[in-house]
Each structure stands twice: as C-alpha cells, then as structure tokens.
PDB file of N, CA and C in Angstrom:
ATOM      1  N   UNK A   1     117.081  75.195 116.551  1.00  0.00           N
ATOM      2  CA  UNK A   1     116.695  75.411 115.220  1.00  0.00           C
ATOM      3  C   UNK A   1     117.704  75.994 114.800  1.00  0.00           C
ATOM      4  N   UNK A   2     118.101  75.594 113.559  1.00  0.00           N
ATOM      5  CA  UNK A   2     119.381  75.944 112.821  1.00  0.00           C
ATOM      6  C   UNK A   2     118.580  77.211 111.735  1.00  0.00           C
ATOM      7  N   UNK A   3     119.594  78.459 111.524  1.00  0.00           N
ATOM      8  CA  UNK A   3     119.142  79.463 110.818  1.00  0.00           C
ATOM      9  C   UNK A   3     118.540  78.707 109.395  1.00  0.00           C
ATOM     10  N   UNK A   4     119.033  77.917 108.974  1.00  0.00           N
ATOM     11  CA  UNK A   4     118.360  77.749 107.516  1.00  0.00           C
ATOM     12  C   UNK A   4     116.988  77.444 107.641  1.00  0.00           C
ATOM     13  N   UNK A   5     116.737  76.593 108.905  1.00  0.00           N
ATOM     14  CA  UNK A   5     115.513  76.201 108.879  1.00  0.00           C
ATOM     15  C   UNK A   5     114.511  77.201 109.531  1.00  0.00           C
ATOM     16  N   UNK A   6     114.667  78.205 110.184  1.00  0.00           N
ATOM     17  CA  UNK A   6     114.082  79.723 110.191  1.00  0.00           C
ATOM     18  C   UNK A   6     114.059  80.061 109.163  1.00  0.00           C
ATOM     19  N   UNK A   7     114.975  80.218 108.037  1.00  0.00           N
ATOM     20  CA  UNK A   7     114.813  81.343 106.596  1.00  0.00           C
ATOM     21  C   UNK A   7     113.894  80.443 106.035  1.00  0.00           C
ATOM     22  N   UNK A   8     113.568  79.050 105.757  1.00  0.00           N
ATOM     23  CA  UNK A   8     112.597  78.524 105.125  1.00  0.00           C
ATOM     24  C   UNK A   8     111.518  78.912 105.710  1.00  0.00           C
ATOM     25  N   UNK A   9     111.079  78.759 106.878  1.00  0.00           N
ATOM     26  CA  UNK A   9     109.667  78.810 107.414  1.00  0.00           C
ATOM     27  C   UNK A   9     109.280  80.576 106.658  1.00  0.00           C
ATOM     28  N   UNK A  10     110.220  81.489 106.777  1.00  0.00           N
ATOM     29  CA  UNK A  10     110.014  82.715 106.561  1.00  0.00           C
ATOM     30  C   UNK A  10     109.764  82.775 105.107  1.00  0.00           C
ATOM     31  N   UNK A  11     110.366  82.114 103.988  1.00  0.00           N
ATOM     32  CA  UNK A  11     110.355  81.997 102.805  1.00  0.00           C
ATOM     33  C   UNK A  11     109.023  81.233 102.360  1.00  0.00           C
ATOM     34  N   UNK A  12     108.585  80.249 103.355  1.00  0.00           N
ATOM     35  CA  UNK A  12     107.336  79.607 102.714  1.00  0.00           C
ATOM     36  C   UNK A  12     106.357  80.770 102.819  1.00  0.00           C
ATOM     37  N   UNK A  13     106.330  81.359 103.864  1.00  0.00           N
ATOM     38  CA  UNK A  13     105.292  82.753 103.899  1.00  0.00           C
ATOM     39  C   UNK A  13     105.726  83.902 102.897  1.00  0.00           C
ATOM     40  N   UNK A  14     106.999  83.965 102.955  1.00  0.00           N
ATOM     41  CA  UNK A  14     107.088  85.140 101.738  1.00  0.00           C
ATOM     42  C   UNK A  14     108.226  84.614 100.877  1.00  0.00           C
ATOM     43  N   UNK A  15     107.651  84.230  99.604  1.00  0.00           N
ATOM     44  CA  UNK A  15     108.645  83.402  98.683  1.00  0.00           C
ATOM     45  C   UNK A  15     109.219  84.374  97.905  1.00  0.00           C
ATOM     46  N   UNK A  16     108.437  85.495  97.943  1.00  0.00           N
ATOM     47  CA  UNK A  16     109.126  86.693  96.825  1.00  0.00           C
ATOM     48  C   UNK A  16     109.778  87.473  97.602  1.00  0.00           C
ATOM     49  N   UNK A  17     110.570  86.942  98.693  1.00  0.00           N
ATOM     50  CA  UNK A  17     111.576  88.061  99.234  1.00  0.00           C
ATOM     51  C   UNK A  17     112.835  87.107  99.608  1.00  0.00           C
ATOM     52  N   UNK A  18     114.142  87.973  99.522  1.00  0.00           N
ATOM     53  CA  UNK A  18     115.641  87.068 100.041  1.00  0.00           C
ATOM     54  C   UNK A  18     115.461  87.394 101.860  1.00  0.00           C
ATOM     55  N   UNK A  19     116.098  86.125 101.857  1.00  0.00           N
ATOM     56  CA  UNK A  19     115.671  86.122 103.572  1.00  0.00           C
ATOM     57  C   UNK A  19     117.263  85.699 103.622  1.00  0.00           C
ATOM     58  N   UNK A  20     117.972  86.078 104.898  1.00  0.00           N
ATOM     59  CA  UNK A  20     119.106  85.840 105.412  1.00  0.00           C
ATOM     60  C   UNK A  20     118.766  85.799 107.119  1.00  0.00           C
ATOM     61  N   UNK A  21     119.238  84.926 107.602  1.00  0.00           N
ATOM     62  CA  UNK A  21     118.952  84.506 108.858  1.00  0.00           C
ATOM     63  C   UNK A  21     120.420  84.213 109.672  1.00  0.00           C
ATOM     64  N   UNK A  22     120.323  84.904 110.783  1.00  0.00           N
ATOM     65  CA  UNK A  22     121.694  84.606 111.609  1.00  0.00           C
ATOM     66  C   UNK A  22     121.487  84.276 113.039  1.00  0.00           C
ATOM     67  N   UNK A  23     122.232  83.423 113.674  1.00  0.00           N
ATOM     68  CA  UNK A  23     121.259  83.203 115.535  1.00  0.00           C
ATOM     69  C   UNK A  23     122.530  83.197 116.316  1.00  0.00           C
ATOM     70  N   UNK A  24     122.167  83.234 117.367  1.00  0.00           N
ATOM     71  CA  UNK A  24     123.202  83.059 118.737  1.00  0.00           C
ATOM     72  C   UNK A  24     122.194  82.474 119.583  1.00  0.00           C
ATOM     73  N   UNK A  25     122.390  81.309 119.935  1.00  0.00           N
ATOM     74  CA  UNK A  25     121.965  80.719 120.645  1.00  0.00           C
ATOM     75  C   UNK A  25     120.266  80.553 119.969  1.00  0.00           C
ATOM     76  N   UNK A  26     119.291  80.946 120.927  1.00  0.00           N
ATOM     77  CA  UNK A  26     117.945  80.789 120.447  1.00  0.00           C
ATOM     78  C   UNK A  26     117.519  82.218 119.895  1.00  0.00           C
ATOM     79  N   UNK A  27     118.388  83.299 119.937  1.00  0.00           N
ATOM     80  CA  UNK A  27     118.145  84.530 119.219  1.00  0.00           C
ATOM     81  C   UNK A  27     118.360  84.570 117.978  1.00  0.00           C
ATOM     82  N   UNK A  28     117.187  85.043 117.262  1.00  0.00           N
ATOM     83  CA  UNK A  28     117.685  85.016 115.562  1.00  0.00           C
ATOM     84  C   UNK A  28     117.597  86.198 115.199  1.00  0.00           C
ATOM     85  N   UNK A  29     118.248  87.085 114.370  1.00  0.00           N
ATOM     86  CA  UNK A  29     118.019  88.027 113.350  1.00  0.00           C
ATOM     87  C   UNK A  29     117.562  87.714 111.899  1.00  0.00           C
ATOM     88  N   UNK A  30     116.555  88.269 111.473  1.00  0.00           N
ATOM     89  CA  UNK A  30     116.071  87.903 110.391  1.00  0.00           C
ATOM     90  C   UNK A  30     116.119  89.089 109.470  1.00  0.00           C
ATOM     91  N   UNK A  31     116.554  88.936 108.373  1.00  0.00           N
ATOM     92  CA  UNK A  31     117.009  90.069 107.451  1.00  0.00           C
ATOM     93  C   UNK A  31     115.822  89.717 106.082  1.00  0.00           C
ATOM     94  N   UNK A  32     114.865  90.611 105.906  1.00  0.00           N
ATOM     95  CA  UNK A  32     114.259  90.154 104.463  1.00  0.00           C
ATOM     96  C   UNK A  32     114.244  91.444 103.846  1.00  0.00           C
ATOM     97  N   UNK A  33     114.349  90.817 102.516  1.00  0.00           N
ATOM     98  CA  UNK A  33     114.323  92.132 101.398  1.00  0.00           C
ATOM     99  C   UNK A  33     113.695  91.541 100.123  1.00  0.00           C
ATOM    100  N   UNK A  34     112.498  92.507  99.965  1.00  0.00           N
ATOM    101  CA  UNK A  34     111.555  92.079  98.953  1.00  0.00           C
ATOM    102  C   UNK A  34     110.540  93.490  98.282  1.00  0.00           C
ATOM    103  N   UNK A  35     109.917  93.360  97.218  1.00  0.00           N
ATOM    104  CA  UNK A  35     109.397  94.461  96.804  1.00  0.00           C
ATOM    105  C   UNK A  35     108.139  94.637  97.785  1.00  0.00           C
ATOM    106  N   UNK A  36     107.631  93.578  98.078  1.00  0.00           N
ATOM    107  CA  UNK A  36     106.383  93.541  98.912  1.00  0.00           C
ATOM    108  C   UNK A  36     106.354  94.568 100.287  1.00  0.00           C
ATOM    109  N   UNK A  37     107.489  94.873 100.787  1.00  0.00           N
ATOM    110  CA  UNK A  37     107.560  95.739 101.900  1.00  0.00           C
ATOM    111  C   UNK A  37     107.554  97.129 101.339  1.00  0.00           C
ATOM    112  N   UNK A  38     107.415  97.728 100.122  1.00  0.00           N
ATOM    113  CA  UNK A  38     107.282  98.751  99.753  1.00  0.00           C
ATOM    114  C   UNK A  38     105.946  99.715 100.172  1.00  0.00           C
ATOM    115  N   UNK A  39     106.189 100.705 100.929  1.00  0.00           N
ATOM    116  CA  UNK A  39     105.029 101.442 101.387  1.00  0.00           C
ATOM    117  C   UNK A  39     104.511 101.207 102.641  1.00  0.00           C
ATOM    118  N   UNK A  40     105.029  99.766 103.325  1.00  0.00           N
ATOM    119  CA  UNK A  40     104.614  99.357 104.286  1.00  0.00           C
ATOM    120  C   UNK A  40     105.072 100.026 105.307  1.00  0.00           C
ATOM    121  N   UNK A  41     104.307 100.161 106.837  1.00  0.00           N
ATOM    122  CA  UNK A  41     104.932 100.406 108.110  1.00  0.00           C
ATOM    123  C   UNK A  41     105.888  99.409 108.108  1.00  0.00           C
ATOM    124  N   UNK A  42     107.015  99.709 109.313  1.00  0.00           N
ATOM    125  CA  UNK A  42     107.696  99.517 110.154  1.00  0.00           C
ATOM    126  C   UNK A  42     107.035  97.892 110.950  1.00  0.00           C
ATOM    127  N   UNK A  43     106.250  98.080 111.549  1.00  0.00           N
ATOM    128  CA  UNK A  43     105.283  97.270 112.130  1.00  0.00           C
ATOM    129  C   UNK A  43     104.857  96.163 111.338  1.00  0.00           C
ATOM    130  N   UNK A  44     104.078  96.588 110.359  1.00  0.00           N
ATOM    131  CA  UNK A  44     103.281  95.617 109.194  1.00  0.00           C
ATOM    132  C   UNK A  44     104.421  94.761 108.803  1.00  0.00           C
ATOM    133  N   UNK A  45     105.563  95.251 108.329  1.00  0.00           N
ATOM    134  CA  UNK A  45     106.403  94.188 107.894  1.00  0.00           C
ATOM    135  C   UNK A  45     106.980  93.358 109.049  1.00  0.00           C
ATOM    136  N   UNK A  46     107.184  93.692 110.288  1.00  0.00           N
ATOM    137  CA  UNK A  46     107.318  93.022 111.343  1.00  0.00           C
ATOM    138  C   UNK A  46     106.248  91.689 111.544  1.00  0.00           C
ATOM    139  N   UNK A  47     105.231  92.094 111.244  1.00  0.00           N
ATOM    140  CA  UNK A  47     104.088  91.473 111.740  1.00  0.00           C
ATOM    141  C   UNK A  47     104.006  90.361 110.610  1.00  0.00           C
ATOM    142  N   UNK A  48     104.203  90.626 109.451  1.00  0.00           N
ATOM    143  CA  UNK A  48     104.368  89.388 108.230  1.00  0.00           C
ATOM    144  C   UNK A  48     105.463  88.347 108.683  1.00  0.00           C
ATOM    145  N   UNK A  49     106.809  89.066 109.203  1.00  0.00           N
ATOM    146  CA  UNK A  49     107.708  87.854 109.407  1.00  0.00           C
ATOM    147  C   UNK A  49     107.270  87.047 111.011  1.00  0.00           C
ATOM    148  N   UNK A  50     106.828  88.121 111.981  1.00  0.00           N
ATOM    149  CA  UNK A  50     106.672  87.376 113.106  1.00  0.00           C
ATOM    150  C   UNK A  50     105.137  86.076 112.544  1.00  0.00           C
ATOM    151  N   UNK A  51     104.552  86.535 111.882  1.00  0.00           N
ATOM    152  CA  UNK A  51     103.468  85.551 111.675  1.00  0.00           C
ATOM    153  C   UNK A  51     103.936  84.308 111.043  1.00  0.00           C
ATOM    154  N   UNK A  52     104.971  84.383 110.135  1.00  0.00           N
ATOM    155  CA  UNK A  52     105.686  83.333 109.476  1.00  0.00           C
ATOM    156  C   UNK A  52     106.460  82.310 110.676  1.00  0.00           C
ATOM    157  N   UNK A  53     106.792  82.849 111.770  1.00  0.00           N
ATOM    158  CA  UNK A  53     107.431  82.238 112.836  1.00  0.00           C
ATOM    159  C   UNK A  53     106.711  82.068 114.034  1.00  0.00           C
ATOM    160  N   UNK A  54     105.425  82.558 114.229  1.00  0.00           N
ATOM    161  CA  UNK A  54     104.625  82.178 115.187  1.00  0.00           C
ATOM    162  C   UNK A  54     104.421  81.023 115.828  1.00  0.00           C
ATOM    163  N   UNK A  55     104.760  79.977 115.658  1.00  0.00           N
ATOM    164  CA  UNK A  55     104.461  78.470 116.156  1.00  0.00           C
ATOM    165  C   UNK A  55     106.005  78.511 116.978  1.00  0.00           C
ATOM    166  N   UNK A  56     107.139  78.802 116.490  1.00  0.00           N
ATOM    167  CA  UNK A  56     108.126  78.543 117.083  1.00  0.00           C
ATOM    168  C   UNK A  56     108.260  79.676 118.342  1.00  0.00           C
ATOM    169  N   UNK A  57     107.702  81.053 118.056  1.00  0.00           N
ATOM    170  CA  UNK A  57     107.778  81.917 119.119  1.00  0.00           C
ATOM    171  C   UNK A  57     107.192  81.377 120.238  1.00  0.00           C
ATOM    172  N   UNK A  58     105.780  80.948 120.268  1.00  0.00           N
ATOM    173  CA  UNK A  58     104.889  80.356 120.985  1.00  0.00           C
ATOM    174  C   UNK A  58     105.208  78.982 122.047  1.00  0.00           C
ATOM    175  N   UNK A  59     106.238  78.023 121.139  1.00  0.00           N
ATOM    176  CA  UNK A  59     106.643  77.183 122.119  1.00  0.00           C
ATOM    177  C   UNK A  59     108.137  77.677 122.351  1.00  0.00           C
ATOM    178  N   UNK A  60     108.689  78.666 122.335  1.00  0.00           N
ATOM    179  CA  UNK A  60     110.189  78.493 122.810  1.00  0.00           C
ATOM    180  C   UNK A  60     110.989  78.227 122.167  1.00  0.00           C
ATOM    181  N   UNK A  61     110.789  77.569 120.924  1.00  0.00           N
ATOM    182  CA  UNK A  61     112.052  77.311 120.298  1.00  0.00           C
ATOM    183  C   UNK A  61     112.955  78.665 119.696  1.00  0.00           C
ATOM    184  N   UNK A  62     111.962  79.442 119.404  1.00  0.00           N
ATOM    185  CA  UNK A  62     113.083  80.946 118.976  1.00  0.00           C
ATOM    186  C   UNK A  62     112.308  81.737 120.421  1.00  0.00           C
ATOM    187  N   UNK A  63     113.428  82.425 121.246  1.00  0.00           N
ATOM    188  CA  UNK A  63     113.210  83.020 122.336  1.00  0.00           C
ATOM    189  C   UNK A  63     112.761  84.602 121.684  1.00  0.00           C
ATOM    190  N   UNK A  64     113.682  85.022 121.084  1.00  0.00           N
ATOM    191  CA  UNK A  64     114.132  86.522 120.893  1.00  0.00           C
ATOM    192  C   UNK A  64     114.458  86.425 119.095  1.00  0.00           C
ATOM    193  N   UNK A  65     113.721  87.554 118.441  1.00  0.00           N
ATOM    194  CA  UNK A  65     114.075  87.739 117.122  1.00  0.00           C
ATOM    195  C   UNK A  65     114.035  89.129 117.207  1.00  0.00           C
ATOM    196  N   UNK A  66     114.719  89.433 116.320  1.00  0.00           N
ATOM    197  CA  UNK A  66     115.186  90.909 115.712  1.00  0.00           C
ATOM    198  C   UNK A  66     114.921  90.591 114.273  1.00  0.00           C
ATOM    199  N   UNK A  67     114.299  91.689 113.721  1.00  0.00           N
ATOM    200  CA  UNK A  67     113.427  91.578 111.906  1.00  0.00           C
ATOM    201  C   UNK A  67     113.932  93.124 111.695  1.00  0.00           C
ATOM    202  N   UNK A  68     114.735  92.682 110.172  1.00  0.00           N
ATOM    203  CA  UNK A  68     115.020  93.945 109.847  1.00  0.00           C
ATOM    204  C   UNK A  68     114.176  93.538 108.195  1.00  0.00           C
ATOM    205  N   UNK A  69     113.636  94.263 107.720  1.00  0.00           N
ATOM    206  CA  UNK A  69     112.980  94.564 106.228  1.00  0.00           C
ATOM    207  C   UNK A  69     113.249  95.613 105.510  1.00  0.00           C
ATOM    208  N   UNK A  70     113.473  95.276 104.007  1.00  0.00           N
ATOM    209  CA  UNK A  70     114.092  96.258 103.709  1.00  0.00           C
ATOM    210  C   UNK A  70     113.176  96.035 102.196  1.00  0.00           C
ATOM    211  N   UNK A  71     113.184  97.062 101.291  1.00  0.00           N
ATOM    212  CA  UNK A  71     112.682  97.016  99.702  1.00  0.00           C
ATOM    213  C   UNK A  71     114.189  96.979  99.120  1.00  0.00           C
ATOM    214  N   UNK A  72     113.917  96.413  98.013  1.00  0.00           N
ATOM    215  CA  UNK A  72     115.736  96.125  97.290  1.00  0.00           C
ATOM    216  C   UNK A  72     116.460  97.951  97.247  1.00  0.00           C
ATOM    217  N   UNK A  73     115.687  98.824  97.055  1.00  0.00           N
ATOM    218  CA  UNK A  73     116.106 100.008  97.124  1.00  0.00           C
ATOM    219  C   UNK A  73     116.871 100.169  98.529  1.00  0.00           C
ATOM    220  N   UNK A  74     116.057  99.963  99.470  1.00  0.00           N
ATOM    221  CA  UNK A  74     116.744 100.507 101.000  1.00  0.00           C
ATOM    222  C   UNK A  74     117.787  99.446 101.031  1.00  0.00           C
ATOM    223  N   UNK A  75     117.456  98.120 100.692  1.00  0.00           N
ATOM    224  CA  UNK A  75     118.781  97.185 101.258  1.00  0.00           C
ATOM    225  C   UNK A  75     120.106  97.798  99.946  1.00  0.00           C
ATOM    226  N   UNK A  76     120.023  97.948  98.745  1.00  0.00           N
ATOM    227  CA  UNK A  76     121.171  98.998  98.364  1.00  0.00           C
ATOM    228  C   UNK A  76     121.783  99.931  98.716  1.00  0.00           C
ATOM    229  N   UNK A  77     121.159 100.772  99.327  1.00  0.00           N
ATOM    230  CA  UNK A  77     121.415 102.051 100.157  1.00  0.00           C
ATOM    231  C   UNK A  77     122.408 101.494 101.473  1.00  0.00           C
ATOM    232  N   UNK A  78     121.913 100.418 101.824  1.00  0.00           N
ATOM    233  CA  UNK A  78     122.838 100.000 103.162  1.00  0.00           C
ATOM    234  C   UNK A  78     124.014  99.196 102.893  1.00  0.00           C
ATOM    235  N   UNK A  79     124.365  98.579 101.529  1.00  0.00           N
ATOM    236  CA  UNK A  79     125.276  97.823 101.106  1.00  0.00           C
ATOM    237  C   UNK A  79     126.744  98.907 100.675  1.00  0.00           C
TER     238      UNK A  79
END
C-alpha cells in the first residue's frame, strides 16, 4: 500500500486534519495535525487513527503503525 493511499484513508475519517505518511515496507509512520486533538489523551488520538486503518491492519496490509498526533500548536513547537 502506497503512503498516499494510507494518508487518504486517514483523511476520509479526519478531514479536518493535515496528514503525513512515511513507510518502510509494510511499516508506516502517520503524523496527524489538527485542532480536534486538543485535550485528547494520546490513547484517544491513536484510537481515531487506528480506526481509520482498521481493515488494513486486520488483513495484514499494514503490519506495523507508528502514530504521532498533534495540535497545530504542538506541531509548531516541534518545527
């Protein structure tokens, strides 16, 4: 699965977020930035993104997933 296809799946569930995806084989790094993450626990943020990719995780298309989710403010601090 191409990184852009993974990003599109996540964007379908989180259309108000900026999504970046990198891959190494079938391991993906998803970086999501959006206001919706404000006040959420890290687990809740991950659940939203895992939910968007549940089918791909279940059938093995995506073997491993690293998720980093930020508010725009948190993202700006990291840049």
